[in-house]
Amino acid sequence: MGRAFVLSLGEITLLGAALLSLGYFAGSSKAKFRSSSSSTTALSKGVVASTTDSGQQAFVLAVNLKFTTLTHRDTFLQLIDPVCKDVLANEGPLLKQTSATSNSSTTETTLSYKVAISDKNPLMVLILERYSDKSNGYLKVHRSGREFLKFREQLKAMQEEGGVVIEGESYVETELGYV
């Protein structure tokens, strides 16, 4: 299982603000050399939404989970680990192929996908998800992933038994700040 990072409330706030503020890709050299095909859309006086190379606005989800026990939280972390790996391999930033026979069908629709545990309350977990757009990157590609579908059923069962309460919000990134 991968490692979980414990972040302070201030660090989570800064991380959330950074992830929500700009559509540059974390971990990708494209972040420093964005093509001129990226554009912006006016949201209000002086604030613009960032768009990806496809012309769509970057879409962000902030999902907050509150578990009733550490056992439920740890089970969740075990369940989401294969999802995180699958998202990186099949939806994440374009990776160099390590083999000419690689079967990866990377589409780069998920810009980032990160799980964080609250440093104030170990029963609280945050998932920050950034997609190239809502209609394709999130709804079509991510939500149809094999590992995600399996995970979602397991999480739904945990939710129905009262082991977790899930709340979330969705956002459109702006050009303010950086990732």
Protein backbone atom coordinates (compact mmCIF):
# COMPACT_ATOMS: atom_id res chain seq x y z
CA MET A 1 0.00 0.00 0.00
CA GLY A 2 1.23 3.54 -0.74
CA ARG A 3 2.12 6.02 1.94
CA ALA A 4 -0.39 8.52 3.29
CA PHE A 5 0.75 12.08 3.86
CA VAL A 6 -0.42 13.90 6.97
CA LEU A 7 -0.99 17.58 6.30
CA SER A 8 -1.83 20.39 8.69
CA LEU A 9 -5.06 22.33 8.16
CA GLY A 10 -3.01 25.25 6.82
CA GLU A 11 -1.18 22.97 4.38
CA ILE A 12 -4.47 21.42 3.22
CA THR A 13 -5.91 24.90 2.70
CA LEU A 14 -2.86 26.01 0.71
CA LEU A 15 -2.85 22.78 -1.30
CA GLY A 16 -6.56 23.12 -2.03
CA ALA A 17 -6.18 26.77 -3.02
CA ALA A 18 -3.26 25.94 -5.28
CA LEU A 19 -5.06 23.03 -6.94
CA LEU A 20 -8.19 25.06 -7.47
CA SER A 21 -6.48 28.17 -8.72
CA LEU A 22 -4.70 27.29 -11.96
CA GLY A 23 -4.95 24.68 -14.68
CA TYR A 24 -1.26 23.95 -15.03
CA PHE A 25 -0.39 20.28 -14.72
CA ALA A 26 1.47 19.06 -11.63
CA GLY A 27 4.34 16.78 -12.44
CA SER A 28 4.39 17.59 -16.14
CA SER A 29 7.00 19.55 -18.02
CA LYS A 30 4.10 21.07 -19.96
CA ALA A 31 3.44 23.24 -16.89
CA LYS A 32 6.43 25.44 -17.69
CA PHE A 33 5.91 25.44 -21.43
CA ARG A 34 2.17 25.63 -21.99
CA SER A 35 1.23 25.84 -25.62
CA SER A 36 -0.42 28.93 -26.96
CA SER A 37 -3.49 26.80 -27.68
CA SER A 38 -4.56 27.20 -24.02
CA SER A 39 -7.10 29.93 -23.53
CA THR A 40 -9.16 31.57 -20.81
CA THR A 41 -12.80 32.38 -20.20
CA ALA A 42 -13.94 35.44 -18.25
CA LEU A 43 -15.80 34.52 -15.04
CA SER A 44 -16.10 37.94 -13.44
CA LYS A 45 -14.22 41.21 -13.23
CA GLY A 46 -10.57 40.26 -13.78
CA VAL A 47 -10.95 36.55 -12.96
CA VAL A 48 -10.70 33.97 -15.69
CA ALA A 49 -11.19 30.22 -15.81
CA SER A 50 -8.30 28.23 -17.17
CA THR A 51 -8.88 25.92 -20.08
CA THR A 52 -7.00 22.85 -21.16
CA ASP A 53 -5.55 22.20 -24.60
CA SER A 54 -8.95 20.76 -25.59
CA GLY A 55 -10.55 24.14 -24.83
CA GLN A 56 -12.49 22.80 -21.84
CA GLN A 57 -12.33 24.32 -18.36
CA ALA A 58 -10.32 22.29 -15.86
CA PHE A 59 -12.75 20.61 -13.42
CA VAL A 60 -11.91 20.00 -9.74
CA LEU A 61 -13.54 17.88 -7.04
CA ALA A 62 -12.79 18.20 -3.33
CA VAL A 63 -14.25 15.15 -1.56
CA ASN A 64 -14.28 15.10 2.26
CA LEU A 65 -14.76 11.79 4.05
CA LYS A 66 -15.35 11.41 7.79
CA PHE A 67 -14.91 7.88 9.09
CA THR A 68 -16.43 6.50 12.30
CA THR A 69 -13.34 4.42 13.16
CA LEU A 70 -9.70 4.16 12.18
CA THR A 71 -10.47 0.66 10.93
CA HIS A 72 -12.94 2.12 8.41
CA ARG A 73 -10.38 4.75 7.38
CA ASP A 74 -7.62 2.20 6.94
CA THR A 75 -9.92 -0.06 4.92
CA PHE A 76 -10.73 2.93 2.70
CA LEU A 77 -7.01 3.63 2.18
CA GLN A 78 -6.49 0.01 1.12
CA LEU A 79 -9.49 0.18 -1.23
CA ILE A 80 -8.47 3.44 -2.92
CA ASP A 81 -4.83 2.44 -3.47
CA PRO A 82 -5.56 0.41 -6.65
CA VAL A 83 -7.76 3.26 -7.91
CA CYS A 84 -4.90 5.76 -7.50
CA LYS A 85 -2.54 3.45 -9.37
CA ASP A 86 -5.07 2.83 -12.15
CA VAL A 87 -5.82 6.55 -12.52
CA LEU A 88 -2.12 7.36 -12.86
CA ALA A 89 -1.53 4.56 -15.37
CA ASN A 90 -4.60 5.11 -17.54
CA GLU A 91 -5.83 8.68 -17.03
CA GLY A 92 -2.87 10.59 -15.61
CA PRO A 93 -0.11 12.71 -17.11
CA LEU A 94 1.50 11.17 -20.17
CA LEU A 95 4.33 8.94 -19.03
CA LYS A 96 7.29 7.69 -21.03
CA GLN A 97 6.63 4.15 -22.13
CA THR A 98 9.14 1.82 -20.48
CA SER A 99 8.58 -0.88 -23.04
CA ALA A 100 7.62 -1.03 -26.67
CA THR A 101 5.08 -3.67 -25.65
CA SER A 102 3.37 -1.52 -23.02
CA ASN A 103 -0.42 -1.73 -23.13
CA SER A 104 -1.03 1.62 -21.39
CA SER A 105 -3.69 3.73 -23.05
CA THR A 106 -2.86 6.95 -21.20
CA THR A 107 -5.28 9.74 -22.06
CA GLU A 108 -4.12 12.51 -19.67
CA THR A 109 -7.67 13.36 -18.59
CA THR A 110 -6.92 13.27 -14.84
CA LEU A 111 -4.51 16.09 -14.07
CA SER A 112 -4.04 15.10 -10.42
CA TYR A 113 -5.58 12.72 -7.92
CA LYS A 114 -4.42 12.94 -4.30
CA VAL A 115 -5.53 11.53 -0.93
CA ALA A 116 -4.69 13.44 2.29
CA ILE A 117 -5.35 12.69 5.97
CA SER A 118 -6.14 15.55 8.35
CA ASP A 119 -3.47 16.27 10.94
CA LYS A 120 -6.16 17.49 13.34
CA ASN A 121 -8.54 14.53 13.04
CA PRO A 122 -7.21 11.20 11.74
CA LEU A 123 -10.78 10.16 10.87
CA MET A 124 -10.97 12.91 8.20
CA VAL A 125 -9.69 12.26 4.67
CA LEU A 126 -9.65 14.59 1.66
CA ILE A 127 -9.48 13.51 -1.97
CA LEU A 128 -8.47 16.30 -4.38
CA GLU A 129 -9.23 15.41 -7.98
CA ARG A 130 -8.41 17.55 -11.05
CA TYR A 131 -9.66 16.69 -14.52
CA SER A 132 -9.09 18.13 -17.99
CA ASP A 133 -12.84 18.79 -18.16
CA LYS A 134 -16.08 17.64 -16.57
CA SER A 135 -17.86 15.93 -19.47
CA ASN A 136 -15.02 13.76 -20.81
CA GLY A 137 -12.23 13.64 -18.23
CA TYR A 138 -14.46 13.16 -15.18
CA LEU A 139 -17.83 11.80 -16.29
CA LYS A 140 -16.82 9.68 -19.27
CA VAL A 141 -13.24 8.49 -18.60
CA HIS A 142 -12.75 8.51 -14.82
CA ARG A 143 -16.19 7.34 -13.72
CA SER A 144 -16.06 4.39 -16.14
CA GLY A 145 -12.68 3.09 -14.95
CA ARG A 146 -12.71 -0.57 -13.87
CA GLU A 147 -10.93 0.04 -10.55
CA PHE A 148 -13.07 3.13 -9.80
CA LEU A 149 -16.31 1.21 -10.39
CA LYS A 150 -15.23 -1.61 -8.07
CA PHE A 151 -14.06 0.91 -5.44
CA ARG A 152 -17.27 2.95 -5.66
CA GLU A 153 -19.41 -0.10 -4.84
CA GLN A 154 -17.20 -0.92 -1.83
CA LEU A 155 -17.30 2.69 -0.60
CA LYS A 156 -21.08 2.81 -1.08
CA ALA A 157 -21.44 -0.28 1.13
CA MET A 158 -19.28 1.36 3.82
CA GLN A 159 -21.39 4.51 3.55
CA GLU A 160 -24.67 2.57 3.84
CA GLU A 161 -23.47 0.75 6.97
CA GLY A 162 -22.63 4.12 8.56
CA GLY A 163 -18.84 3.77 8.45
CA VAL A 164 -18.28 7.01 6.52
CA VAL A 165 -19.99 10.29 5.72
CA ILE A 166 -19.05 11.79 2.35
CA GLU A 167 -19.37 15.44 1.33
CA GLY A 168 -17.93 17.15 -1.70
CA GLU A 169 -17.86 20.20 -3.88
CA SER A 170 -16.94 20.76 -7.50
CA TYR A 171 -15.06 23.73 -8.92
CA VAL A 172 -13.80 25.27 -12.16
CA GLU A 173 -10.16 26.38 -11.99
CA THR A 174 -9.10 29.96 -12.57
CA GLU A 175 -5.81 31.41 -13.84
CA LEU A 176 -5.02 32.69 -10.32
CA GLY A 177 -2.09 30.97 -8.58
CA TYR A 178 -0.22 27.88 -9.75
CA VAL A 179 -0.03 24.10 -9.44
